[in-house]
């Protein structure tokens, strides 16, 4: 059970309601009082900044949706964050990421990719998270595929979702009952 409870609208102050409205009227098209929203609502000023960066990372980069979701799933898996995993596994499948790829990421195996973009995003995220750096071969391949601008965006996605995973792990945020299970989750 999360350390922070979801707030009902009548429990929110004006700043919290404004943040919920901003999220609901943005590209997510829904209020977010679960997942990362649990923490954002406790500090609406920081929540405003976080949700804007998150909206950019999900909907505003030069990356395709499937590539974004591979990067997010790789990041969520690294941090063993169950809510982030649950949400983005679903999003990945909707974006056309093969279920076998998502299963391999969950099992910490190297997926068999058909898309060079998905593979480059996964390999860069995995190497960066696990070794804290990116070797020349991985960097050169990602740079060739994405170009500088979009490679900056890819690292922004990895960093943003690392931030969210750490925050949700601190506050023990997991999906609702029946929302799925992540093997060796950081949150029980």
N, C-alpha and C. Protein backbone atom coordinates (compact mmCIF):
# COMPACT_ATOMS: atom_id res chain seq x y z
N UNK A 1 0.84 -1.19 0.00
CA UNK A 1 0.00 0.00 0.00
C UNK A 1 0.89 1.25 0.00
N UNK A 2 0.53 2.19 -0.83
CA UNK A 2 1.33 3.42 -0.96
C UNK A 2 1.36 4.19 0.36
N UNK A 3 2.47 4.85 0.58
CA UNK A 3 2.62 5.68 1.78
C UNK A 3 1.82 6.97 1.69
N UNK A 4 1.41 7.33 0.49
CA UNK A 4 0.57 8.51 0.28
C UNK A 4 -0.78 8.04 -0.25
N UNK A 5 -1.84 8.57 0.31
CA UNK A 5 -3.16 8.17 -0.18
C UNK A 5 -3.61 9.11 -1.30
N UNK A 6 -4.43 8.58 -2.17
CA UNK A 6 -5.01 9.42 -3.22
C UNK A 6 -5.91 10.47 -2.58
N UNK A 7 -5.86 11.66 -3.11
CA UNK A 7 -6.69 12.74 -2.59
C UNK A 7 -7.97 12.86 -3.41
N UNK A 8 -9.08 12.96 -2.73
CA UNK A 8 -10.35 13.24 -3.39
C UNK A 8 -10.38 14.73 -3.72
N UNK A 9 -11.15 15.14 -4.72
CA UNK A 9 -11.19 16.56 -5.08
C UNK A 9 -11.53 17.48 -3.90
N UNK A 10 -12.39 17.04 -3.03
CA UNK A 10 -12.77 17.90 -1.89
C UNK A 10 -11.65 18.03 -0.86
N UNK A 11 -10.63 17.18 -0.95
CA UNK A 11 -9.48 17.27 -0.04
C UNK A 11 -8.37 18.17 -0.58
N UNK A 12 -8.50 18.58 -1.84
CA UNK A 12 -7.45 19.35 -2.50
C UNK A 12 -7.63 20.85 -2.30
N UNK A 13 -6.49 21.54 -2.16
CA UNK A 13 -6.55 23.00 -2.13
C UNK A 13 -6.53 23.52 -3.58
N UNK A 14 -6.55 24.83 -3.72
CA UNK A 14 -6.65 25.44 -5.06
C UNK A 14 -5.45 25.07 -5.94
N UNK A 15 -4.24 25.05 -5.37
CA UNK A 15 -3.05 24.70 -6.17
C UNK A 15 -3.11 23.24 -6.64
N UNK A 16 -3.55 22.37 -5.77
CA UNK A 16 -3.66 20.96 -6.13
C UNK A 16 -4.71 20.76 -7.22
N UNK A 17 -5.85 21.43 -7.09
CA UNK A 17 -6.89 21.33 -8.13
C UNK A 17 -6.40 21.89 -9.46
N UNK A 18 -5.64 22.98 -9.40
CA UNK A 18 -5.10 23.56 -10.64
C UNK A 18 -4.14 22.58 -11.32
N UNK A 19 -3.32 21.89 -10.53
CA UNK A 19 -2.41 20.90 -11.10
C UNK A 19 -3.20 19.76 -11.74
N UNK A 20 -4.23 19.26 -11.05
CA UNK A 20 -5.05 18.19 -11.62
C UNK A 20 -5.70 18.63 -12.93
N UNK A 21 -6.19 19.86 -12.96
CA UNK A 21 -6.80 20.38 -14.18
C UNK A 21 -5.77 20.48 -15.31
N UNK A 22 -4.57 20.94 -14.97
CA UNK A 22 -3.50 21.06 -15.97
C UNK A 22 -3.18 19.69 -16.57
N UNK A 23 -3.08 18.68 -15.73
CA UNK A 23 -2.79 17.32 -16.21
C UNK A 23 -3.94 16.81 -17.06
N UNK A 24 -5.17 16.96 -16.57
CA UNK A 24 -6.35 16.45 -17.28
C UNK A 24 -6.55 17.12 -18.62
N UNK A 25 -6.16 18.38 -18.73
CA UNK A 25 -6.35 19.13 -19.98
C UNK A 25 -5.13 19.09 -20.88
N UNK A 26 -4.09 18.35 -20.49
CA UNK A 26 -2.88 18.20 -21.29
C UNK A 26 -2.95 16.96 -22.15
N UNK A 27 -1.82 16.53 -22.67
CA UNK A 27 -1.82 15.37 -23.58
C UNK A 27 -2.21 14.06 -22.92
N UNK A 28 -2.14 13.97 -21.58
CA UNK A 28 -2.56 12.73 -20.91
C UNK A 28 -4.08 12.57 -20.94
N UNK A 29 -4.79 13.69 -21.02
CA UNK A 29 -6.25 13.75 -21.14
C UNK A 29 -6.99 13.08 -19.98
N UNK A 30 -6.35 13.02 -18.82
CA UNK A 30 -6.99 12.43 -17.64
C UNK A 30 -6.30 12.97 -16.40
N UNK A 31 -7.06 13.16 -15.32
CA UNK A 31 -6.40 13.57 -14.08
C UNK A 31 -5.49 12.45 -13.58
N UNK A 32 -4.52 12.79 -12.76
CA UNK A 32 -3.58 11.78 -12.29
C UNK A 32 -3.41 11.94 -10.79
N UNK A 33 -4.28 11.26 -10.03
CA UNK A 33 -4.13 11.30 -8.58
C UNK A 33 -3.63 9.97 -8.03
N UNK A 34 -3.10 9.14 -8.94
CA UNK A 34 -2.41 7.91 -8.55
C UNK A 34 -1.03 7.96 -9.19
N UNK A 35 -0.25 6.90 -9.02
CA UNK A 35 1.08 6.86 -9.62
C UNK A 35 1.90 8.06 -9.17
N UNK A 36 2.62 8.70 -10.08
CA UNK A 36 3.44 9.84 -9.70
C UNK A 36 2.61 11.01 -9.18
N UNK A 37 1.33 11.07 -9.56
CA UNK A 37 0.47 12.14 -9.10
C UNK A 37 0.30 12.17 -7.59
N UNK A 38 0.47 11.02 -6.94
CA UNK A 38 0.38 10.99 -5.48
C UNK A 38 1.37 11.96 -4.85
N UNK A 39 2.60 11.97 -5.34
CA UNK A 39 3.61 12.87 -4.81
C UNK A 39 3.45 14.28 -5.37
N UNK A 40 3.15 14.40 -6.65
CA UNK A 40 3.03 15.71 -7.27
C UNK A 40 2.01 16.58 -6.54
N UNK A 41 0.91 15.96 -6.11
CA UNK A 41 -0.13 16.73 -5.43
C UNK A 41 0.31 17.23 -4.05
N UNK A 42 1.33 16.61 -3.48
CA UNK A 42 1.82 17.07 -2.17
C UNK A 42 2.70 18.31 -2.31
N UNK A 43 3.17 18.57 -3.52
CA UNK A 43 3.97 19.75 -3.79
C UNK A 43 3.63 20.23 -5.21
N UNK A 44 2.51 20.94 -5.36
CA UNK A 44 2.05 21.30 -6.70
C UNK A 44 3.05 22.08 -7.54
N UNK A 45 3.90 22.90 -6.91
CA UNK A 45 4.90 23.64 -7.69
C UNK A 45 5.87 22.66 -8.36
N UNK A 46 6.40 21.72 -7.60
CA UNK A 46 7.28 20.69 -8.18
C UNK A 46 6.50 19.78 -9.12
N UNK A 47 5.25 19.47 -8.75
CA UNK A 47 4.40 18.63 -9.60
C UNK A 47 4.15 19.24 -10.96
N UNK A 48 3.97 20.54 -10.99
CA UNK A 48 3.76 21.26 -12.25
C UNK A 48 4.96 21.07 -13.17
N UNK A 49 6.15 21.25 -12.63
CA UNK A 49 7.38 21.10 -13.42
C UNK A 49 7.53 19.65 -13.89
N UNK A 50 7.32 18.71 -12.97
CA UNK A 50 7.48 17.29 -13.30
C UNK A 50 6.48 16.86 -14.37
N UNK A 51 5.24 17.27 -14.23
CA UNK A 51 4.25 16.82 -15.21
C UNK A 51 4.52 17.43 -16.57
N UNK A 52 5.04 18.66 -16.62
CA UNK A 52 5.37 19.26 -17.92
C UNK A 52 6.51 18.49 -18.59
N UNK A 53 7.53 18.16 -17.81
CA UNK A 53 8.64 17.39 -18.38
C UNK A 53 8.15 16.01 -18.82
N UNK A 54 7.30 15.39 -17.99
CA UNK A 54 6.75 14.09 -18.36
C UNK A 54 5.92 14.14 -19.63
N UNK A 55 5.11 15.18 -19.77
CA UNK A 55 4.31 15.32 -20.99
C UNK A 55 5.22 15.47 -22.21
N UNK A 56 6.30 16.24 -22.06
CA UNK A 56 7.26 16.38 -23.16
C UNK A 56 7.89 15.02 -23.48
N UNK A 57 8.34 14.30 -22.45
CA UNK A 57 9.02 13.02 -22.67
C UNK A 57 8.10 11.99 -23.34
N UNK A 58 6.82 12.00 -22.99
CA UNK A 58 5.88 11.05 -23.58
C UNK A 58 5.36 11.48 -24.94
N UNK A 59 5.11 12.78 -25.10
CA UNK A 59 4.35 13.22 -26.26
C UNK A 59 5.04 14.27 -27.13
N UNK A 60 6.23 14.75 -26.73
CA UNK A 60 6.80 15.88 -27.44
C UNK A 60 8.17 15.66 -28.07
N UNK A 61 8.70 14.46 -27.98
CA UNK A 61 10.04 14.22 -28.53
C UNK A 61 9.95 13.80 -29.99
N UNK A 62 11.09 13.65 -30.62
CA UNK A 62 11.17 13.13 -31.98
C UNK A 62 11.19 11.62 -32.04
N UNK A 63 11.01 10.97 -30.89
CA UNK A 63 10.97 9.51 -30.82
C UNK A 63 9.55 9.02 -31.10
N UNK A 64 9.43 7.87 -31.73
CA UNK A 64 8.11 7.28 -31.92
C UNK A 64 7.63 6.69 -30.60
N UNK A 65 6.32 6.50 -30.48
CA UNK A 65 5.74 6.00 -29.24
C UNK A 65 6.33 4.66 -28.81
N UNK A 66 6.56 3.75 -29.77
CA UNK A 66 7.10 2.45 -29.41
C UNK A 66 8.52 2.57 -28.84
N UNK A 67 9.31 3.46 -29.38
CA UNK A 67 10.68 3.65 -28.89
C UNK A 67 10.67 4.29 -27.50
N UNK A 68 9.80 5.27 -27.31
CA UNK A 68 9.66 5.87 -25.98
C UNK A 68 9.29 4.80 -24.96
N UNK A 69 8.34 3.95 -25.29
CA UNK A 69 7.88 2.93 -24.33
C UNK A 69 8.94 1.87 -24.06
N UNK A 70 9.75 1.53 -25.05
CA UNK A 70 10.87 0.62 -24.80
C UNK A 70 11.84 1.25 -23.81
N UNK A 71 12.15 2.53 -24.00
CA UNK A 71 13.06 3.22 -23.09
C UNK A 71 12.48 3.30 -21.68
N UNK A 72 11.18 3.60 -21.58
CA UNK A 72 10.54 3.70 -20.27
C UNK A 72 10.49 2.33 -19.60
N UNK A 73 10.12 1.29 -20.33
CA UNK A 73 10.07 -0.05 -19.74
C UNK A 73 11.45 -0.50 -19.27
N UNK A 74 12.47 -0.19 -20.04
CA UNK A 74 13.84 -0.54 -19.65
C UNK A 74 14.22 0.19 -18.37
N UNK A 75 13.83 1.44 -18.26
CA UNK A 75 14.12 2.24 -17.07
C UNK A 75 13.32 1.73 -15.87
N UNK A 76 12.03 1.49 -16.06
CA UNK A 76 11.18 0.98 -14.97
C UNK A 76 11.71 -0.35 -14.47
N UNK A 77 12.16 -1.18 -15.39
CA UNK A 77 12.68 -2.49 -15.00
C UNK A 77 13.97 -2.35 -14.21
N UNK A 78 14.85 -1.46 -14.64
CA UNK A 78 16.10 -1.25 -13.92
C UNK A 78 15.83 -0.90 -12.47
N UNK A 79 14.87 0.02 -12.25
CA UNK A 79 14.55 0.46 -10.89
C UNK A 79 13.54 -0.46 -10.21
N UNK A 80 13.07 -1.50 -10.90
CA UNK A 80 12.08 -2.44 -10.36
C UNK A 80 10.86 -1.70 -9.81
N UNK A 81 10.39 -0.70 -10.54
CA UNK A 81 9.26 0.11 -10.10
C UNK A 81 7.97 -0.48 -10.67
N UNK A 82 7.10 -1.05 -9.84
CA UNK A 82 5.94 -1.79 -10.34
C UNK A 82 4.86 -0.94 -11.00
N UNK A 83 4.58 0.26 -10.49
CA UNK A 83 3.54 1.08 -11.10
C UNK A 83 3.99 1.54 -12.49
N UNK A 84 5.21 2.06 -12.55
CA UNK A 84 5.75 2.52 -13.83
C UNK A 84 5.80 1.37 -14.83
N UNK A 85 6.22 0.20 -14.37
CA UNK A 85 6.26 -0.98 -15.24
C UNK A 85 4.87 -1.32 -15.75
N UNK A 86 3.91 -1.41 -14.83
CA UNK A 86 2.54 -1.78 -15.18
C UNK A 86 1.97 -0.81 -16.21
N UNK A 87 2.11 0.48 -15.94
CA UNK A 87 1.53 1.49 -16.84
C UNK A 87 2.18 1.47 -18.22
N UNK A 88 3.50 1.33 -18.25
CA UNK A 88 4.20 1.45 -19.54
C UNK A 88 4.32 0.13 -20.28
N UNK A 89 4.13 -0.97 -19.60
CA UNK A 89 3.98 -2.25 -20.30
C UNK A 89 2.70 -2.17 -21.15
N UNK A 90 1.63 -1.70 -20.54
CA UNK A 90 0.36 -1.52 -21.27
C UNK A 90 0.53 -0.55 -22.43
N UNK A 91 1.17 0.60 -22.15
CA UNK A 91 1.38 1.59 -23.20
C UNK A 91 2.25 1.04 -24.33
N UNK A 92 3.27 0.27 -23.95
CA UNK A 92 4.15 -0.33 -24.96
C UNK A 92 3.40 -1.27 -25.88
N UNK A 93 2.57 -2.12 -25.30
CA UNK A 93 1.78 -3.04 -26.12
C UNK A 93 0.85 -2.27 -27.05
N UNK A 94 0.22 -1.20 -26.53
CA UNK A 94 -0.66 -0.37 -27.37
C UNK A 94 0.10 0.31 -28.48
N UNK A 95 1.38 0.65 -28.22
CA UNK A 95 2.21 1.34 -29.22
C UNK A 95 2.84 0.37 -30.22
N UNK A 96 2.58 -0.93 -30.06
CA UNK A 96 3.08 -1.91 -31.01
C UNK A 96 4.37 -2.60 -30.63
N UNK A 97 4.81 -2.46 -29.39
CA UNK A 97 6.00 -3.19 -28.95
C UNK A 97 5.60 -4.65 -28.76
N UNK A 98 6.35 -5.54 -29.34
CA UNK A 98 6.06 -6.97 -29.26
C UNK A 98 6.10 -7.43 -27.80
N UNK A 99 5.12 -8.24 -27.41
CA UNK A 99 5.04 -8.75 -26.03
C UNK A 99 6.29 -9.53 -25.65
N UNK A 100 6.91 -10.22 -26.59
CA UNK A 100 8.14 -10.97 -26.31
C UNK A 100 9.28 -10.03 -25.90
N UNK A 101 9.30 -8.84 -26.46
CA UNK A 101 10.32 -7.85 -26.09
C UNK A 101 10.09 -7.38 -24.66
N UNK A 102 8.85 -7.09 -24.35
CA UNK A 102 8.53 -6.63 -22.99
C UNK A 102 8.82 -7.74 -21.98
N UNK A 103 8.48 -8.98 -22.31
CA UNK A 103 8.77 -10.11 -21.42
C UNK A 103 10.27 -10.26 -21.20
N UNK A 104 11.04 -10.11 -22.26
CA UNK A 104 12.50 -10.23 -22.13
C UNK A 104 13.06 -9.12 -21.24
N UNK A 105 12.55 -7.91 -21.39
CA UNK A 105 13.00 -6.81 -20.53
C UNK A 105 12.67 -7.15 -19.07
N UNK A 106 11.47 -7.64 -18.83
CA UNK A 106 11.10 -7.99 -17.45
C UNK A 106 12.00 -9.09 -16.90
N UNK A 107 12.36 -10.05 -17.73
CA UNK A 107 13.23 -11.16 -17.30
C UNK A 107 14.71 -10.79 -17.30
N UNK A 108 15.01 -9.56 -17.66
CA UNK A 108 16.38 -9.05 -17.73
C UNK A 108 17.22 -9.84 -18.75
N UNK A 109 16.56 -10.20 -19.85
CA UNK A 109 17.24 -10.84 -20.98
C UNK A 109 17.32 -9.84 -22.12
N UNK A 110 18.26 -10.04 -23.01
CA UNK A 110 18.36 -9.18 -24.19
C UNK A 110 17.22 -9.53 -25.15
N UNK A 111 16.33 -8.60 -25.43
CA UNK A 111 15.24 -8.88 -26.37
C UNK A 111 15.76 -9.09 -27.79
N UNK A 112 14.98 -9.77 -28.59
CA UNK A 112 15.26 -9.92 -30.01
C UNK A 112 14.41 -8.85 -30.72
N UNK A 113 15.07 -7.79 -31.14
CA UNK A 113 14.39 -6.66 -31.76
C UNK A 113 14.36 -6.81 -33.26
N UNK A 114 13.30 -6.32 -33.86
CA UNK A 114 13.22 -6.17 -35.31
C UNK A 114 13.55 -4.73 -35.66
N UNK A 115 13.13 -3.81 -34.80
CA UNK A 115 13.32 -2.38 -35.02
C UNK A 115 14.69 -1.93 -34.50
N UNK A 116 15.54 -1.37 -35.36
CA UNK A 116 16.83 -0.87 -34.89
C UNK A 116 16.66 0.31 -33.91
N UNK A 117 15.57 1.07 -34.06
CA UNK A 117 15.32 2.19 -33.15
C UNK A 117 15.01 1.69 -31.74
N UNK A 118 14.15 0.69 -31.65
CA UNK A 118 13.83 0.11 -30.33
C UNK A 118 15.09 -0.49 -29.70
N UNK A 119 15.85 -1.21 -30.49
CA UNK A 119 17.06 -1.84 -29.97
C UNK A 119 18.08 -0.80 -29.48
N UNK A 120 18.27 0.25 -30.25
CA UNK A 120 19.22 1.30 -29.86
C UNK A 120 18.77 1.99 -28.58
N UNK A 121 17.46 2.26 -28.46
CA UNK A 121 16.94 2.92 -27.25
C UNK A 121 17.12 2.01 -26.05
N UNK A 122 16.78 0.75 -26.20
CA UNK A 122 16.92 -0.21 -25.10
C UNK A 122 18.38 -0.35 -24.68
N UNK A 123 19.26 -0.55 -25.65
CA UNK A 123 20.66 -0.80 -25.33
C UNK A 123 21.31 0.43 -24.69
N UNK A 124 20.98 1.61 -25.18
CA UNK A 124 21.53 2.82 -24.59
C UNK A 124 21.02 2.99 -23.15
N UNK A 125 19.71 2.83 -22.96
CA UNK A 125 19.14 2.98 -21.61
C UNK A 125 19.74 1.95 -20.65
N UNK A 126 19.81 0.72 -21.07
CA UNK A 126 20.32 -0.35 -20.20
C UNK A 126 21.79 -0.10 -19.84
N UNK A 127 22.59 0.23 -20.83
CA UNK A 127 24.01 0.47 -20.58
C UNK A 127 24.22 1.70 -19.70
N UNK A 128 23.50 2.76 -19.98
CA UNK A 128 23.63 3.98 -19.19
C UNK A 128 23.22 3.75 -17.73
N UNK A 129 22.11 3.06 -17.52
CA UNK A 129 21.64 2.81 -16.16
C UNK A 129 22.55 1.84 -15.42
N UNK A 130 22.98 0.79 -16.09
CA UNK A 130 23.77 -0.25 -15.40
C UNK A 130 25.23 0.14 -15.19
N UNK A 131 25.81 0.87 -16.12
CA UNK A 131 27.24 1.18 -16.01
C UNK A 131 27.50 2.65 -15.70
N UNK A 132 26.45 3.47 -15.76
CA UNK A 132 26.53 4.92 -15.53
C UNK A 132 27.26 5.66 -16.64
N UNK A 133 27.46 4.99 -17.76
CA UNK A 133 28.09 5.61 -18.93
C UNK A 133 27.65 4.86 -20.18
N UNK A 134 28.03 5.38 -21.32
CA UNK A 134 27.69 4.75 -22.60
C UNK A 134 28.96 4.60 -23.40
N UNK A 135 29.24 3.37 -23.81
CA UNK A 135 30.43 3.10 -24.61
C UNK A 135 30.31 3.66 -26.02
N UNK A 136 31.44 3.74 -26.69
CA UNK A 136 31.51 4.33 -28.03
C UNK A 136 30.59 3.64 -29.03
N UNK A 137 30.59 2.31 -29.05
CA UNK A 137 29.78 1.59 -30.05
C UNK A 137 28.29 1.86 -29.83
N UNK A 138 27.84 1.81 -28.59
CA UNK A 138 26.42 2.06 -28.28
C UNK A 138 26.06 3.50 -28.62
N UNK A 139 26.93 4.43 -28.24
CA UNK A 139 26.69 5.85 -28.51
C UNK A 139 26.64 6.12 -30.01
N UNK A 140 27.64 5.62 -30.73
CA UNK A 140 27.71 5.88 -32.18
C UNK A 140 26.48 5.33 -32.90
N UNK A 141 26.03 4.13 -32.51
CA UNK A 141 24.84 3.53 -33.14
C UNK A 141 23.61 4.39 -32.85
N UNK A 142 23.42 4.79 -31.59
CA UNK A 142 22.27 5.62 -31.23
C UNK A 142 22.33 6.98 -31.93
N UNK A 143 23.50 7.56 -31.99
CA UNK A 143 23.65 8.85 -32.66
C UNK A 143 23.30 8.74 -34.14
N UNK A 144 23.75 7.68 -34.78
CA UNK A 144 23.46 7.48 -36.21
C UNK A 144 21.95 7.32 -36.43
N UNK A 145 21.30 6.60 -35.53
CA UNK A 145 19.86 6.33 -35.69
C UNK A 145 19.02 7.56 -35.34
N UNK A 146 19.36 8.25 -34.25
CA UNK A 146 18.49 9.31 -33.73
C UNK A 146 18.95 10.73 -34.05
N UNK A 147 20.25 10.93 -34.28
CA UNK A 147 20.77 12.28 -34.41
C UNK A 147 20.92 12.91 -33.03
N UNK A 148 21.65 14.00 -32.97
CA UNK A 148 21.95 14.63 -31.67
C UNK A 148 20.72 15.08 -30.92
N UNK A 149 19.83 15.81 -31.59
CA UNK A 149 18.67 16.38 -30.91
C UNK A 149 17.82 15.28 -30.27
N UNK A 150 17.52 14.26 -31.02
CA UNK A 150 16.65 13.21 -30.51
C UNK A 150 17.37 12.32 -29.51
N UNK A 151 18.68 12.19 -29.64
CA UNK A 151 19.44 11.44 -28.63
C UNK A 151 19.41 12.18 -27.29
N UNK A 152 19.46 13.49 -27.33
CA UNK A 152 19.29 14.28 -26.09
C UNK A 152 17.91 13.98 -25.50
N UNK A 153 16.90 13.93 -26.34
CA UNK A 153 15.54 13.64 -25.87
C UNK A 153 15.45 12.24 -25.27
N UNK A 154 16.12 11.27 -25.87
CA UNK A 154 16.11 9.91 -25.33
C UNK A 154 16.73 9.88 -23.94
N UNK A 155 17.84 10.57 -23.75
CA UNK A 155 18.44 10.58 -22.42
C UNK A 155 17.54 11.33 -21.43
N UNK A 156 16.78 12.31 -21.91
CA UNK A 156 15.82 13.00 -21.04
C UNK A 156 14.72 12.04 -20.59
N UNK A 157 14.24 11.19 -21.49
CA UNK A 157 13.23 10.19 -21.15
C UNK A 157 13.77 9.25 -20.06
N UNK A 158 14.98 8.76 -20.26
CA UNK A 158 15.59 7.83 -19.29
C UNK A 158 15.75 8.52 -17.93
N UNK A 159 16.22 9.74 -17.93
CA UNK A 159 16.41 10.47 -16.68
C UNK A 159 15.11 10.80 -15.99
N UNK A 160 14.13 11.24 -16.74
CA UNK A 160 12.84 11.59 -16.15
C UNK A 160 12.18 10.36 -15.52
N UNK A 161 12.17 9.26 -16.24
CA UNK A 161 11.51 8.07 -15.70
C UNK A 161 12.33 7.43 -14.58
N UNK A 162 13.62 7.68 -14.53
CA UNK A 162 14.41 7.27 -13.35
C UNK A 162 13.96 8.08 -12.15
N UNK A 163 13.79 9.38 -12.33
CA UNK A 163 13.32 10.25 -11.25
C UNK A 163 11.96 9.79 -10.73
N UNK A 164 11.05 9.51 -11.63
CA UNK A 164 9.71 9.08 -11.23
C UNK A 164 9.77 7.72 -10.53
N UNK A 165 10.59 6.81 -11.03
CA UNK A 165 10.71 5.49 -10.40
C UNK A 165 11.24 5.61 -8.98
N UNK A 166 12.26 6.43 -8.80
CA UNK A 166 12.81 6.61 -7.45
C UNK A 166 11.78 7.21 -6.51
N UNK A 167 11.06 8.21 -7.00
CA UNK A 167 10.04 8.84 -6.17
C UNK A 167 8.94 7.83 -5.80
N UNK A 168 8.48 7.05 -6.77
CA UNK A 168 7.43 6.08 -6.47
C UNK A 168 7.95 4.94 -5.60
N UNK A 169 9.21 4.56 -5.74
CA UNK A 169 9.77 3.55 -4.84
C UNK A 169 9.82 4.08 -3.41
N UNK A 170 10.19 5.34 -3.22
CA UNK A 170 10.23 5.94 -1.90
C UNK A 170 8.85 5.90 -1.24
N UNK A 171 7.82 6.24 -2.01
CA UNK A 171 6.47 6.31 -1.47
C UNK A 171 5.69 5.01 -1.66
N UNK A 172 6.40 3.95 -2.06
CA UNK A 172 5.84 2.60 -2.20
C UNK A 172 4.58 2.57 -3.06
N UNK A 173 4.67 3.17 -4.22
CA UNK A 173 3.54 3.22 -5.14
C UNK A 173 3.57 1.98 -6.03
N UNK A 174 2.49 1.24 -6.00
CA UNK A 174 2.32 0.05 -6.83
C UNK A 174 0.98 0.16 -7.55
N UNK A 175 0.77 -0.64 -8.59
CA UNK A 175 -0.53 -0.59 -9.25
C UNK A 175 -1.63 -1.08 -8.31
N UNK A 176 -2.85 -0.70 -8.61
CA UNK A 176 -3.99 -1.15 -7.81
C UNK A 176 -4.09 -2.67 -7.86
N UNK A 177 -4.75 -3.21 -6.89
CA UNK A 177 -4.97 -4.66 -6.82
C UNK A 177 -5.45 -5.17 -8.17
N UNK A 178 -4.81 -6.23 -8.66
CA UNK A 178 -5.17 -6.78 -9.95
C UNK A 178 -4.50 -6.08 -11.12
N UNK A 179 -3.66 -5.08 -10.84
CA UNK A 179 -3.03 -4.31 -11.89
C UNK A 179 -1.79 -4.95 -12.48
N UNK A 180 -1.43 -6.11 -12.01
CA UNK A 180 -0.26 -6.77 -12.54
C UNK A 180 0.86 -6.82 -11.52
N UNK A 181 1.79 -7.69 -11.75
CA UNK A 181 2.89 -7.90 -10.84
C UNK A 181 4.19 -7.80 -11.63
N UNK A 182 5.19 -7.20 -11.02
CA UNK A 182 6.51 -7.12 -11.60
C UNK A 182 7.42 -8.04 -10.79
N UNK A 183 8.11 -8.93 -11.48
CA UNK A 183 9.03 -9.83 -10.78
C UNK A 183 10.06 -9.03 -9.99
N UNK A 184 10.37 -9.44 -8.80
CA UNK A 184 11.31 -8.80 -7.87
C UNK A 184 11.12 -7.28 -7.80
N UNK A 185 9.87 -6.89 -7.60
CA UNK A 185 9.50 -5.49 -7.47
C UNK A 185 10.18 -4.84 -6.29
N UNK A 186 10.49 -3.56 -6.40
CA UNK A 186 11.07 -2.79 -5.30
C UNK A 186 10.02 -2.43 -4.26
N UNK A 187 8.75 -2.58 -4.62
CA UNK A 187 7.64 -2.23 -3.74
C UNK A 187 6.77 -3.47 -3.55
N UNK A 188 6.48 -3.79 -2.28
CA UNK A 188 5.63 -4.98 -2.06
C UNK A 188 4.18 -4.61 -1.97
